[in-house]
Amino acid sequence: MYTILMIEDDEVQLALQRSILMDSGYKLYATADGPQGITIFQKHKIDLVLLDLGLASMSGLEVLREIRRIDEKAKVIVITGYPSVESSVIAMKYGAIDYIQKPFDVKTWLKRIRAILDNVQA
């Protein structure tokens, strides 16, 4: 069973994504707080991080940098409702493995997650 950490400060998105991922058989940690997400990442074996860029507590890019500092092989998918070329380039430069724009197609989102996770085991 894969373990996913979701860091998302939109309560509706958090609840929706949590439900979808749990129904898909993933073990899930979820928080709306960047610093708390970093703490969870440090304390648990996390296979994939789903990270919203627009966090209130700390920028998603700062969280991404810290997670990658802790584990340079960490798999992080950045998710944003406010995409820009600049944020996409920076996220990939900081080590994001994928960049997804909200709203997204759930089936495609799950396929991308699964492909990344399956590649972790390969």
N, C-alpha and C. Protein backbone atom coordinates (compact mmCIF):
# COMPACT_ATOMS: atom_id res chain seq x y z
N MET A 1 0.85 -1.18 0.00
CA MET A 1 0.00 0.00 0.00
C MET A 1 0.89 1.24 0.00
N TYR A 2 0.61 2.12 -0.91
CA TYR A 2 1.36 3.37 -1.00
C TYR A 2 0.82 4.39 0.00
N THR A 3 1.72 5.24 0.49
CA THR A 3 1.35 6.29 1.43
C THR A 3 1.54 7.64 0.77
N ILE A 4 0.49 8.43 0.80
CA ILE A 4 0.48 9.75 0.18
C ILE A 4 0.28 10.81 1.26
N LEU A 5 1.04 11.89 1.14
CA LEU A 5 0.85 13.07 1.99
C LEU A 5 0.25 14.16 1.11
N MET A 6 -0.91 14.65 1.52
CA MET A 6 -1.57 15.72 0.79
C MET A 6 -1.50 16.99 1.63
N ILE A 7 -0.95 18.06 1.04
CA ILE A 7 -0.87 19.35 1.71
C ILE A 7 -1.71 20.31 0.87
N GLU A 8 -2.89 20.62 1.37
CA GLU A 8 -3.90 21.40 0.63
C GLU A 8 -4.69 22.23 1.62
N ASP A 9 -4.74 23.56 1.43
CA ASP A 9 -5.44 24.39 2.40
C ASP A 9 -6.89 24.72 2.02
N ASP A 10 -7.35 24.27 0.88
CA ASP A 10 -8.76 24.43 0.50
C ASP A 10 -9.51 23.24 1.08
N GLU A 11 -10.38 23.49 2.06
CA GLU A 11 -11.06 22.41 2.77
C GLU A 11 -11.90 21.53 1.86
N VAL A 12 -12.53 22.13 0.85
CA VAL A 12 -13.35 21.35 -0.08
C VAL A 12 -12.46 20.42 -0.90
N GLN A 13 -11.37 20.94 -1.43
CA GLN A 13 -10.43 20.13 -2.20
C GLN A 13 -9.81 19.04 -1.32
N LEU A 14 -9.45 19.41 -0.11
CA LEU A 14 -8.86 18.46 0.83
C LEU A 14 -9.80 17.28 1.07
N ALA A 15 -11.05 17.57 1.36
CA ALA A 15 -12.03 16.51 1.62
C ALA A 15 -12.28 15.66 0.37
N LEU A 16 -12.41 16.30 -0.77
CA LEU A 16 -12.68 15.59 -2.02
C LEU A 16 -11.50 14.69 -2.40
N GLN A 17 -10.30 15.25 -2.39
CA GLN A 17 -9.13 14.47 -2.77
C GLN A 17 -8.87 13.34 -1.77
N ARG A 18 -9.07 13.64 -0.49
CA ARG A 18 -8.89 12.61 0.55
C ARG A 18 -9.82 11.43 0.28
N SER A 19 -11.08 11.72 0.03
CA SER A 19 -12.07 10.67 -0.22
C SER A 19 -11.69 9.84 -1.44
N ILE A 20 -11.31 10.50 -2.52
CA ILE A 20 -10.95 9.80 -3.75
C ILE A 20 -9.74 8.89 -3.53
N LEU A 21 -8.73 9.43 -2.87
CA LEU A 21 -7.50 8.66 -2.66
C LEU A 21 -7.72 7.49 -1.71
N MET A 22 -8.48 7.69 -0.65
CA MET A 22 -8.76 6.60 0.28
C MET A 22 -9.61 5.52 -0.39
N ASP A 23 -10.60 5.94 -1.20
CA ASP A 23 -11.42 4.97 -1.94
C ASP A 23 -10.59 4.19 -2.96
N SER A 24 -9.47 4.78 -3.38
CA SER A 24 -8.57 4.13 -4.34
C SER A 24 -7.54 3.23 -3.66
N GLY A 25 -7.60 3.15 -2.33
CA GLY A 25 -6.76 2.22 -1.60
C GLY A 25 -5.44 2.76 -1.08
N TYR A 26 -5.27 4.06 -1.10
CA TYR A 26 -4.03 4.64 -0.59
C TYR A 26 -4.14 4.95 0.90
N LYS A 27 -3.02 4.82 1.60
CA LYS A 27 -2.92 5.32 2.97
C LYS A 27 -2.63 6.81 2.82
N LEU A 28 -3.28 7.62 3.65
CA LEU A 28 -3.21 9.05 3.42
C LEU A 28 -2.99 9.84 4.70
N TYR A 29 -2.07 10.79 4.61
CA TYR A 29 -1.92 11.84 5.62
C TYR A 29 -2.32 13.12 4.92
N ALA A 30 -3.04 13.98 5.63
CA ALA A 30 -3.48 15.22 5.00
C ALA A 30 -3.42 16.36 6.01
N THR A 31 -3.02 17.52 5.50
CA THR A 31 -2.97 18.71 6.31
C THR A 31 -3.17 19.94 5.43
N ALA A 32 -3.62 21.01 6.05
CA ALA A 32 -3.77 22.28 5.35
C ALA A 32 -2.58 23.20 5.62
N ASP A 33 -1.64 22.74 6.42
CA ASP A 33 -0.56 23.58 6.92
C ASP A 33 0.80 23.10 6.39
N GLY A 34 1.54 24.00 5.75
CA GLY A 34 2.85 23.66 5.20
C GLY A 34 3.83 23.12 6.23
N PRO A 35 4.09 23.86 7.32
CA PRO A 35 5.02 23.35 8.32
C PRO A 35 4.60 22.00 8.91
N GLN A 36 3.31 21.82 9.12
CA GLN A 36 2.84 20.53 9.63
C GLN A 36 3.07 19.42 8.59
N GLY A 37 2.90 19.76 7.33
CA GLY A 37 3.16 18.79 6.27
C GLY A 37 4.61 18.36 6.26
N ILE A 38 5.52 19.30 6.47
CA ILE A 38 6.95 18.98 6.54
C ILE A 38 7.21 18.04 7.72
N THR A 39 6.59 18.31 8.85
CA THR A 39 6.75 17.46 10.03
C THR A 39 6.24 16.04 9.76
N ILE A 40 5.08 15.94 9.14
CA ILE A 40 4.52 14.63 8.79
C ILE A 40 5.49 13.90 7.85
N PHE A 41 6.03 14.61 6.87
CA PHE A 41 6.96 14.01 5.92
C PHE A 41 8.19 13.45 6.64
N GLN A 42 8.67 14.17 7.64
CA GLN A 42 9.85 13.73 8.39
C GLN A 42 9.56 12.51 9.25
N LYS A 43 8.35 12.39 9.77
CA LYS A 43 8.02 11.33 10.73
C LYS A 43 7.55 10.03 10.09
N HIS A 44 7.11 10.06 8.85
CA HIS A 44 6.50 8.89 8.22
C HIS A 44 7.16 8.59 6.89
N LYS A 45 7.06 7.34 6.48
CA LYS A 45 7.54 6.97 5.15
C LYS A 45 6.46 7.37 4.15
N ILE A 46 6.75 8.38 3.38
CA ILE A 46 5.81 8.92 2.41
C ILE A 46 6.29 8.57 1.01
N ASP A 47 5.42 7.95 0.22
CA ASP A 47 5.78 7.58 -1.14
C ASP A 47 5.57 8.72 -2.13
N LEU A 48 4.60 9.60 -1.84
CA LEU A 48 4.28 10.69 -2.76
C LEU A 48 3.65 11.84 -1.98
N VAL A 49 4.03 13.06 -2.36
CA VAL A 49 3.44 14.26 -1.77
C VAL A 49 2.63 14.97 -2.85
N LEU A 50 1.39 15.29 -2.52
CA LEU A 50 0.54 16.13 -3.37
C LEU A 50 0.51 17.50 -2.70
N LEU A 51 1.08 18.49 -3.35
CA LEU A 51 1.33 19.78 -2.72
C LEU A 51 0.67 20.92 -3.46
N ASP A 52 -0.23 21.60 -2.78
CA ASP A 52 -0.85 22.81 -3.33
C ASP A 52 0.16 23.95 -3.25
N LEU A 53 0.27 24.73 -4.30
CA LEU A 53 1.20 25.87 -4.28
C LEU A 53 0.67 27.02 -3.44
N GLY A 54 -0.64 27.19 -3.41
CA GLY A 54 -1.23 28.36 -2.77
C GLY A 54 -1.60 28.15 -1.31
N LEU A 55 -0.64 27.80 -0.49
CA LEU A 55 -0.90 27.60 0.94
C LEU A 55 -0.88 28.93 1.67
N ALA A 56 -1.68 29.04 2.71
CA ALA A 56 -1.73 30.27 3.50
C ALA A 56 -0.57 30.35 4.50
N SER A 57 -0.17 29.22 5.04
CA SER A 57 0.81 29.20 6.13
C SER A 57 2.25 29.38 5.66
N MET A 58 2.54 28.93 4.46
CA MET A 58 3.90 28.92 3.94
C MET A 58 3.76 28.63 2.45
N SER A 59 4.52 29.25 1.60
CA SER A 59 4.32 29.00 0.17
C SER A 59 4.61 27.54 -0.17
N GLY A 60 3.86 27.03 -1.13
CA GLY A 60 4.07 25.66 -1.56
C GLY A 60 5.48 25.43 -2.09
N LEU A 61 6.05 26.44 -2.73
CA LEU A 61 7.42 26.32 -3.23
C LEU A 61 8.41 26.20 -2.08
N GLU A 62 8.16 26.90 -0.98
CA GLU A 62 9.02 26.76 0.21
C GLU A 62 8.90 25.37 0.80
N VAL A 63 7.68 24.86 0.85
CA VAL A 63 7.46 23.50 1.36
C VAL A 63 8.18 22.49 0.45
N LEU A 64 8.05 22.67 -0.85
CA LEU A 64 8.72 21.79 -1.80
C LEU A 64 10.24 21.79 -1.59
N ARG A 65 10.82 22.96 -1.45
CA ARG A 65 12.26 23.05 -1.22
C ARG A 65 12.68 22.33 0.05
N GLU A 66 11.89 22.49 1.11
CA GLU A 66 12.23 21.86 2.38
C GLU A 66 12.10 20.34 2.30
N ILE A 67 11.05 19.86 1.67
CA ILE A 67 10.86 18.42 1.52
C ILE A 67 12.01 17.82 0.71
N ARG A 68 12.38 18.48 -0.36
CA ARG A 68 13.49 17.98 -1.18
C ARG A 68 14.84 18.12 -0.47
N ARG A 69 14.96 19.07 0.45
CA ARG A 69 16.17 19.18 1.26
C ARG A 69 16.26 17.98 2.20
N ILE A 70 15.13 17.59 2.77
CA ILE A 70 15.07 16.43 3.67
C ILE A 70 15.35 15.14 2.91
N ASP A 71 14.74 15.02 1.73
CA ASP A 71 14.92 13.81 0.92
C ASP A 71 14.97 14.22 -0.55
N GLU A 72 16.16 14.22 -1.11
CA GLU A 72 16.32 14.68 -2.49
C GLU A 72 15.63 13.78 -3.51
N LYS A 73 15.20 12.59 -3.09
CA LYS A 73 14.49 11.68 -3.99
C LYS A 73 12.97 11.72 -3.77
N ALA A 74 12.51 12.61 -2.91
CA ALA A 74 11.07 12.70 -2.63
C ALA A 74 10.29 12.95 -3.91
N LYS A 75 9.18 12.24 -4.05
CA LYS A 75 8.30 12.41 -5.20
C LYS A 75 7.21 13.42 -4.82
N VAL A 76 7.18 14.56 -5.52
CA VAL A 76 6.23 15.62 -5.20
C VAL A 76 5.50 16.04 -6.47
N ILE A 77 4.18 16.02 -6.40
CA ILE A 77 3.35 16.57 -7.47
C ILE A 77 2.81 17.90 -6.97
N VAL A 78 3.08 18.95 -7.72
CA VAL A 78 2.58 20.27 -7.37
C VAL A 78 1.22 20.44 -8.05
N ILE A 79 0.26 20.95 -7.27
CA ILE A 79 -1.09 21.18 -7.78
C ILE A 79 -1.44 22.64 -7.51
N THR A 80 -1.98 23.32 -8.52
CA THR A 80 -2.32 24.72 -8.33
C THR A 80 -3.55 25.13 -9.11
N GLY A 81 -4.29 26.02 -8.54
CA GLY A 81 -5.43 26.63 -9.21
C GLY A 81 -5.06 27.91 -9.93
N TYR A 82 -3.82 28.35 -9.75
CA TYR A 82 -3.34 29.60 -10.34
C TYR A 82 -2.03 29.33 -11.07
N PRO A 83 -2.10 28.58 -12.18
CA PRO A 83 -0.88 28.20 -12.86
C PRO A 83 -0.22 29.37 -13.58
N SER A 84 1.08 29.29 -13.66
CA SER A 84 1.85 30.24 -14.45
C SER A 84 3.09 29.52 -14.96
N VAL A 85 3.63 30.01 -16.03
CA VAL A 85 4.85 29.42 -16.57
C VAL A 85 5.95 29.52 -15.53
N GLU A 86 6.02 30.68 -14.87
CA GLU A 86 7.07 30.89 -13.87
C GLU A 86 6.97 29.88 -12.72
N SER A 87 5.77 29.69 -12.16
CA SER A 87 5.64 28.76 -11.04
C SER A 87 5.91 27.33 -11.49
N SER A 88 5.53 27.00 -12.71
CA SER A 88 5.80 25.66 -13.24
C SER A 88 7.30 25.42 -13.36
N VAL A 89 8.01 26.37 -13.92
CA VAL A 89 9.45 26.24 -14.10
C VAL A 89 10.15 26.15 -12.74
N ILE A 90 9.75 26.99 -11.80
CA ILE A 90 10.37 26.98 -10.47
C ILE A 90 10.09 25.66 -9.76
N ALA A 91 8.84 25.19 -9.83
CA ALA A 91 8.48 23.92 -9.18
C ALA A 91 9.32 22.77 -9.73
N MET A 92 9.49 22.72 -11.03
CA MET A 92 10.29 21.66 -11.62
C MET A 92 11.77 21.84 -11.26
N LYS A 93 12.23 23.07 -11.21
CA LYS A 93 13.61 23.34 -10.81
C LYS A 93 13.86 22.87 -9.37
N TYR A 94 12.86 23.05 -8.51
CA TYR A 94 12.98 22.64 -7.11
C TYR A 94 12.77 21.14 -6.91
N GLY A 95 12.43 20.43 -7.99
CA GLY A 95 12.35 18.98 -7.89
C GLY A 95 10.98 18.35 -7.98
N ALA A 96 9.95 19.13 -8.32
CA ALA A 96 8.62 18.52 -8.48
C ALA A 96 8.68 17.53 -9.65
N ILE A 97 7.98 16.43 -9.50
CA ILE A 97 7.97 15.40 -10.54
C ILE A 97 6.84 15.64 -11.54
N ASP A 98 5.84 16.42 -11.14
CA ASP A 98 4.72 16.74 -12.02
C ASP A 98 4.08 18.04 -11.53
N TYR A 99 3.31 18.66 -12.42
CA TYR A 99 2.66 19.93 -12.14
C TYR A 99 1.26 19.83 -12.71
N ILE A 100 0.25 19.90 -11.85
CA ILE A 100 -1.14 19.70 -12.26
C ILE A 100 -1.95 20.95 -11.97
N GLN A 101 -2.74 21.34 -12.94
CA GLN A 101 -3.59 22.53 -12.82
C GLN A 101 -5.00 22.14 -12.39
N LYS A 102 -5.53 22.87 -11.39
CA LYS A 102 -6.93 22.69 -10.98
C LYS A 102 -7.80 23.54 -11.90
N PRO A 103 -9.00 23.13 -12.16
CA PRO A 103 -9.56 21.81 -11.83
C PRO A 103 -8.96 20.76 -12.76
N PHE A 104 -8.94 19.52 -12.28
CA PHE A 104 -8.36 18.45 -13.08
C PHE A 104 -9.35 17.31 -13.21
N ASP A 105 -9.13 16.50 -14.24
CA ASP A 105 -9.94 15.31 -14.46
C ASP A 105 -9.46 14.24 -13.46
N VAL A 106 -10.36 13.73 -12.65
CA VAL A 106 -10.01 12.80 -11.59
C VAL A 106 -9.38 11.52 -12.13
N LYS A 107 -9.91 10.96 -13.20
CA LYS A 107 -9.35 9.72 -13.75
C LYS A 107 -7.91 9.94 -14.22
N THR A 108 -7.68 11.05 -14.90
CA THR A 108 -6.33 11.36 -15.37
C THR A 108 -5.40 11.59 -14.20
N TRP A 109 -5.89 12.30 -13.18
CA TRP A 109 -5.11 12.58 -11.96
C TRP A 109 -4.69 11.28 -11.28
N LEU A 110 -5.64 10.36 -11.12
CA LEU A 110 -5.33 9.07 -10.49
C LEU A 110 -4.34 8.25 -11.33
N LYS A 111 -4.47 8.30 -12.65
CA LYS A 111 -3.53 7.58 -13.51
C LYS A 111 -2.12 8.14 -13.37
N ARG A 112 -2.00 9.47 -13.29
CA ARG A 112 -0.68 10.10 -13.14
C ARG A 112 -0.07 9.73 -11.79
N ILE A 113 -0.88 9.74 -10.75
CA ILE A 113 -0.40 9.36 -9.42
C ILE A 113 0.09 7.91 -9.45
N ARG A 114 -0.72 7.03 -10.00
CA ARG A 114 -0.37 5.61 -10.05
C ARG A 114 0.91 5.38 -10.84
N ALA A 115 1.04 6.04 -11.96
CA ALA A 115 2.25 5.88 -12.80
C ALA A 115 3.49 6.31 -12.04
N ILE A 116 3.41 7.40 -11.33
CA ILE A 116 4.55 7.87 -10.55
C ILE A 116 4.86 6.90 -9.42
N LEU A 117 3.85 6.45 -8.72
CA LEU A 117 4.07 5.53 -7.61
C LEU A 117 4.62 4.18 -8.09
N ASP A 118 4.09 3.67 -9.16
CA ASP A 118 4.59 2.40 -9.69
C ASP A 118 6.04 2.52 -10.13
N ASN A 119 6.42 3.67 -10.61
CA ASN A 119 7.80 3.92 -11.02
C ASN A 119 8.73 3.96 -9.81
N VAL A 120 8.18 4.37 -8.64
CA VAL A 120 8.97 4.40 -7.40
C VAL A 120 9.46 3.00 -7.07
N GLN A 121 8.60 2.00 -7.27
CA GLN A 121 8.92 0.62 -6.93
C GLN A 121 9.83 -0.05 -7.95
N ALA A 122 9.87 0.48 -9.16
CA ALA A 122 10.63 -0.17 -10.25
C ALA A 122 12.11 -0.13 -10.01
